[in-house]
Amino acid sequence: MPRATNSPASRARRKRTILRAKGFRGFRSKLFRYAKDAVRKAQQYEYRDRKRRKGQFRRLWTQRINAACRNEDMTYSRFIEGLKAAGIEADRKILSDLAITDAAAFSAIVAQAKTALEAKHAAKAA
C-alpha cells in the first residue's frame, strides 16, 4: 500500500502561511521554512502588542492632560488629586479629549479641581 501524505491539505497549509507572510522582506515571504517562523513571531508580537496598546494610549492621554493642566498653572498629579477631592469621575480618555476639543470645559473642570484641592488643604490645616 502506498504511503498517503495528504498532499492537498499540506499544500493548503503552506499556502496559508505564505499568504500570511505577504509583505515580509526577502525569503521570509517566499520560502515556507522561513515564512512559518516569521509568521509565528509576528503573531506573538501582535498578541503582546494588543495588550501594550492600552498602556500606550493611557500614557498619551496623561501627557495631553498634563500639557493642558500646565497651561492652567497646575500639575497633572495635583489635578488628579483635585478631581478625586471634588468627586469628579471622568476617565483620562474623556479628559484628554476635552483638553483638545473644548478648552473652556476643561478650564472649568480645572477650576473645580483647584477649589476642591484648596478646601481639602484648608480642612487638613484646621
C-alpha atoms as a PDB file:
ATOM      1  CA  MET A   1       0.000   0.000   0.000  1.00  0.00           C
ATOM      2  CA  PRO A   2       1.433   3.378  -0.967  1.00  0.00           C
ATOM      3  CA  ARG A   3       2.214   5.997   1.643  1.00  0.00           C
ATOM      4  CA  ALA A   4      -0.516   8.670   1.958  1.00  0.00           C
ATOM      5  CA  THR A   5       0.790  12.189   2.572  1.00  0.00           C
ATOM      6  CA  ASN A   6      -2.464  14.147   2.228  1.00  0.00           C
ATOM      7  CA  SER A   7      -0.771  16.462  -0.214  1.00  0.00           C
ATOM      8  CA  PRO A   8      -3.736  18.842  -0.801  1.00  0.00           C
ATOM      9  CA  ALA A   9      -4.012  19.671   2.910  1.00  0.00           C
ATOM     10  CA  SER A  10      -0.244  20.113   3.283  1.00  0.00           C
ATOM     11  CA  ARG A  11      -0.113  22.395   0.276  1.00  0.00           C
ATOM     12  CA  ALA A  12      -3.075  24.422   1.563  1.00  0.00           C
ATOM     13  CA  ARG A  13      -1.415  24.817   4.948  1.00  0.00           C
ATOM     14  CA  ARG A  14       1.829  26.001   3.376  1.00  0.00           C
ATOM     15  CA  LYS A  15      -0.035  28.345   1.048  1.00  0.00           C
ATOM     16  CA  ARG A  16      -1.911  29.841   4.005  1.00  0.00           C
ATOM     17  CA  THR A  17       1.372  30.538   5.801  1.00  0.00           C
ATOM     18  CA  ILE A  18       2.947  32.078   2.697  1.00  0.00           C
ATOM     19  CA  LEU A  19      -0.115  34.318   2.258  1.00  0.00           C
ATOM     20  CA  ARG A  20       0.161  35.469   5.886  1.00  0.00           C
ATOM     21  CA  ALA A  21       3.823  36.316   5.262  1.00  0.00           C
ATOM     22  CA  LYS A  22       2.945  38.539   2.317  1.00  0.00           C
ATOM     23  CA  GLY A  23       4.751  41.839   2.678  1.00  0.00           C
ATOM     24  CA  PHE A  24       7.664  40.429   4.666  1.00  0.00           C
ATOM     25  CA  ARG A  25      11.090  41.126   3.203  1.00  0.00           C
ATOM     26  CA  GLY A  26      13.168  38.674   1.213  1.00  0.00           C
ATOM     27  CA  PHE A  27      12.871  34.925   1.568  1.00  0.00           C
ATOM     28  CA  ARG A  28      10.697  35.311   4.684  1.00  0.00           C
ATOM     29  CA  SER A  29       7.787  35.901   2.311  1.00  0.00           C
ATOM     30  CA  LYS A  30       8.777  33.342  -0.312  1.00  0.00           C
ATOM     31  CA  LEU A  31      10.076  30.175   1.361  1.00  0.00           C
ATOM     32  CA  PHE A  32       7.855  28.174   3.696  1.00  0.00           C
ATOM     33  CA  ARG A  33      10.669  27.154   6.041  1.00  0.00           C
ATOM     34  CA  TYR A  34      11.428  30.799   6.909  1.00  0.00           C
ATOM     35  CA  ALA A  35       7.923  32.151   6.439  1.00  0.00           C
ATOM     36  CA  LYS A  36       6.460  29.889   9.141  1.00  0.00           C
ATOM     37  CA  ASP A  37       8.937  31.211  11.735  1.00  0.00           C
ATOM     38  CA  ALA A  38       8.339  34.805  10.659  1.00  0.00           C
ATOM     39  CA  VAL A  39       4.550  34.394  10.822  1.00  0.00           C
ATOM     40  CA  ARG A  40       4.704  32.729  14.235  1.00  0.00           C
ATOM     41  CA  LYS A  41       6.881  35.545  15.585  1.00  0.00           C
ATOM     42  CA  ALA A  42       4.612  38.171  14.020  1.00  0.00           C
ATOM     43  CA  GLN A  43       1.600  36.599  15.737  1.00  0.00           C
ATOM     44  CA  GLN A  44       3.407  36.675  19.090  1.00  0.00           C
ATOM     45  CA  TYR A  45       4.192  40.363  18.656  1.00  0.00           C
ATOM     46  CA  GLU A  46       0.622  41.034  17.576  1.00  0.00           C
ATOM     47  CA  TYR A  47      -0.822  39.335  20.663  1.00  0.00           C
ATOM     48  CA  ARG A  48       1.618  41.071  23.029  1.00  0.00           C
ATOM     49  CA  ASP A  49       1.131  44.493  21.481  1.00  0.00           C
ATOM     50  CA  ARG A  50      -2.651  44.311  21.697  1.00  0.00           C
ATOM     51  CA  LYS A  51      -2.128  44.346  25.456  1.00  0.00           C
ATOM     52  CA  ARG A  52       0.568  47.054  25.332  1.00  0.00           C
ATOM     53  CA  ARG A  53      -1.522  49.390  23.181  1.00  0.00           C
ATOM     54  CA  LYS A  54      -3.833  50.109  26.104  1.00  0.00           C
ATOM     55  CA  GLY A  55      -0.952  51.333  28.248  1.00  0.00           C
ATOM     56  CA  GLN A  56       0.454  53.412  25.408  1.00  0.00           C
ATOM     57  CA  PHE A  57      -2.852  55.198  24.977  1.00  0.00           C
ATOM     58  CA  ARG A  58      -3.120  55.816  28.719  1.00  0.00           C
ATOM     59  CA  ARG A  59       0.354  57.420  28.695  1.00  0.00           C
ATOM     60  CA  LEU A  60      -0.638  59.562  25.695  1.00  0.00           C
ATOM     61  CA  TRP A  61      -3.806  60.760  27.453  1.00  0.00           C
ATOM     62  CA  THR A  62      -1.792  61.553  30.581  1.00  0.00           C
ATOM     63  CA  GLN A  63       0.686  63.646  28.571  1.00  0.00           C
ATOM     64  CA  ARG A  64      -2.118  65.588  26.901  1.00  0.00           C
ATOM     65  CA  ILE A  65      -3.873  66.250  30.208  1.00  0.00           C
ATOM     66  CA  ASN A  66      -0.585  67.307  31.789  1.00  0.00           C
ATOM     67  CA  ALA A  67       0.114  69.785  28.982  1.00  0.00           C
ATOM     68  CA  ALA A  68      -3.368  71.265  29.277  1.00  0.00           C
ATOM     69  CA  CYS A  69      -3.096  71.459  33.080  1.00  0.00           C
ATOM     70  CA  ARG A  70       0.199  73.300  32.903  1.00  0.00           C
ATOM     71  CA  ASN A  71      -1.485  75.932  30.722  1.00  0.00           C
ATOM     72  CA  GLU A  72      -3.826  76.417  33.699  1.00  0.00           C
ATOM     73  CA  ASP A  73      -0.879  76.666  36.166  1.00  0.00           C
ATOM     74  CA  MET A  74      -1.438  73.232  37.686  1.00  0.00           C
ATOM     75  CA  THR A  75       0.423  69.957  37.579  1.00  0.00           C
ATOM     76  CA  TYR A  76      -1.106  66.677  36.478  1.00  0.00           C
ATOM     77  CA  SER A  77      -0.806  64.993  39.861  1.00  0.00           C
ATOM     78  CA  ARG A  78      -2.447  67.943  41.685  1.00  0.00           C
ATOM     79  CA  PHE A  79      -5.188  67.973  39.063  1.00  0.00           C
ATOM     80  CA  ILE A  80      -5.979  64.295  39.589  1.00  0.00           C
ATOM     81  CA  GLU A  81      -5.908  64.811  43.373  1.00  0.00           C
ATOM     82  CA  GLY A  82      -8.309  67.738  42.954  1.00  0.00           C
ATOM     83  CA  LEU A  83     -10.657  65.679  40.790  1.00  0.00           C
ATOM     84  CA  LYS A  84     -10.826  62.982  43.462  1.00  0.00           C
ATOM     85  CA  ALA A  85     -11.449  65.605  46.155  1.00  0.00           C
ATOM     86  CA  ALA A  86     -14.207  67.200  44.044  1.00  0.00           C
ATOM     87  CA  GLY A  87     -15.797  63.813  43.365  1.00  0.00           C
ATOM     88  CA  ILE A  88     -15.485  64.149  39.593  1.00  0.00           C
ATOM     89  CA  GLU A  89     -15.276  60.741  37.958  1.00  0.00           C
ATOM     90  CA  ALA A  90     -14.048  61.248  34.401  1.00  0.00           C
ATOM     91  CA  ASP A  91     -11.522  58.914  32.862  1.00  0.00           C
ATOM     92  CA  ARG A  92      -8.320  60.054  31.222  1.00  0.00           C
ATOM     93  CA  LYS A  93      -9.597  59.445  27.703  1.00  0.00           C
ATOM     94  CA  ILE A  94     -12.508  61.851  28.191  1.00  0.00           C
ATOM     95  CA  LEU A  95     -10.342  64.450  29.945  1.00  0.00           C
ATOM     96  CA  SER A  96      -7.774  64.274  27.144  1.00  0.00           C
ATOM     97  CA  ASP A  97     -10.485  64.716  24.532  1.00  0.00           C
ATOM     98  CA  LEU A  98     -11.909  67.693  26.431  1.00  0.00           C
ATOM     99  CA  ALA A  99      -8.461  69.267  26.715  1.00  0.00           C
ATOM    100  CA  ILE A 100      -8.041  69.082  22.935  1.00  0.00           C
ATOM    101  CA  THR A 101     -11.537  69.886  21.651  1.00  0.00           C
ATOM    102  CA  ASP A 102     -13.193  72.016  24.352  1.00  0.00           C
ATOM    103  CA  ALA A 103     -10.680  74.138  26.248  1.00  0.00           C
ATOM    104  CA  ALA A 104     -13.388  76.126  28.070  1.00  0.00           C
ATOM    105  CA  ALA A 105     -14.952  72.993  29.568  1.00  0.00           C
ATOM    106  CA  PHE A 106     -11.539  71.695  30.579  1.00  0.00           C
ATOM    107  CA  SER A 107     -10.741  75.034  32.240  1.00  0.00           C
ATOM    108  CA  ALA A 108     -13.987  74.764  34.212  1.00  0.00           C
ATOM    109  CA  ILE A 109     -13.035  71.281  35.404  1.00  0.00           C
ATOM    110  CA  VAL A 110      -9.568  72.525  36.385  1.00  0.00           C
ATOM    111  CA  ALA A 111     -11.182  75.364  38.343  1.00  0.00           C
ATOM    112  CA  GLN A 112     -13.391  72.878  40.210  1.00  0.00           C
ATOM    113  CA  ALA A 113     -10.368  70.705  40.949  1.00  0.00           C
ATOM    114  CA  LYS A 114      -8.441  73.742  42.258  1.00  0.00           C
ATOM    115  CA  THR A 115     -11.227  74.797  44.613  1.00  0.00           C
ATOM    116  CA  ALA A 116     -11.687  71.237  45.904  1.00  0.00           C
ATOM    117  CA  LEU A 117      -7.933  70.947  46.432  1.00  0.00           C
ATOM    118  CA  GLU A 118      -7.796  74.241  48.333  1.00  0.00           C
ATOM    119  CA  ALA A 119     -10.730  73.154  50.502  1.00  0.00           C
ATOM    120  CA  LYS A 120      -9.033  69.841  51.201  1.00  0.00           C
ATOM    121  CA  HIS A 121      -5.791  71.535  52.277  1.00  0.00           C
ATOM    122  CA  ALA A 122      -7.692  74.105  54.354  1.00  0.00           C
ATOM    123  CA  ALA A 123      -9.550  71.324  56.173  1.00  0.00           C
ATOM    124  CA  LYS A 124      -6.289  69.487  56.746  1.00  0.00           C
ATOM    125  CA  ALA A 125      -4.611  72.607  58.175  1.00  0.00           C
ATOM    126  CA  ALA A 126      -7.529  73.374  60.520  1.00  0.00           C
END
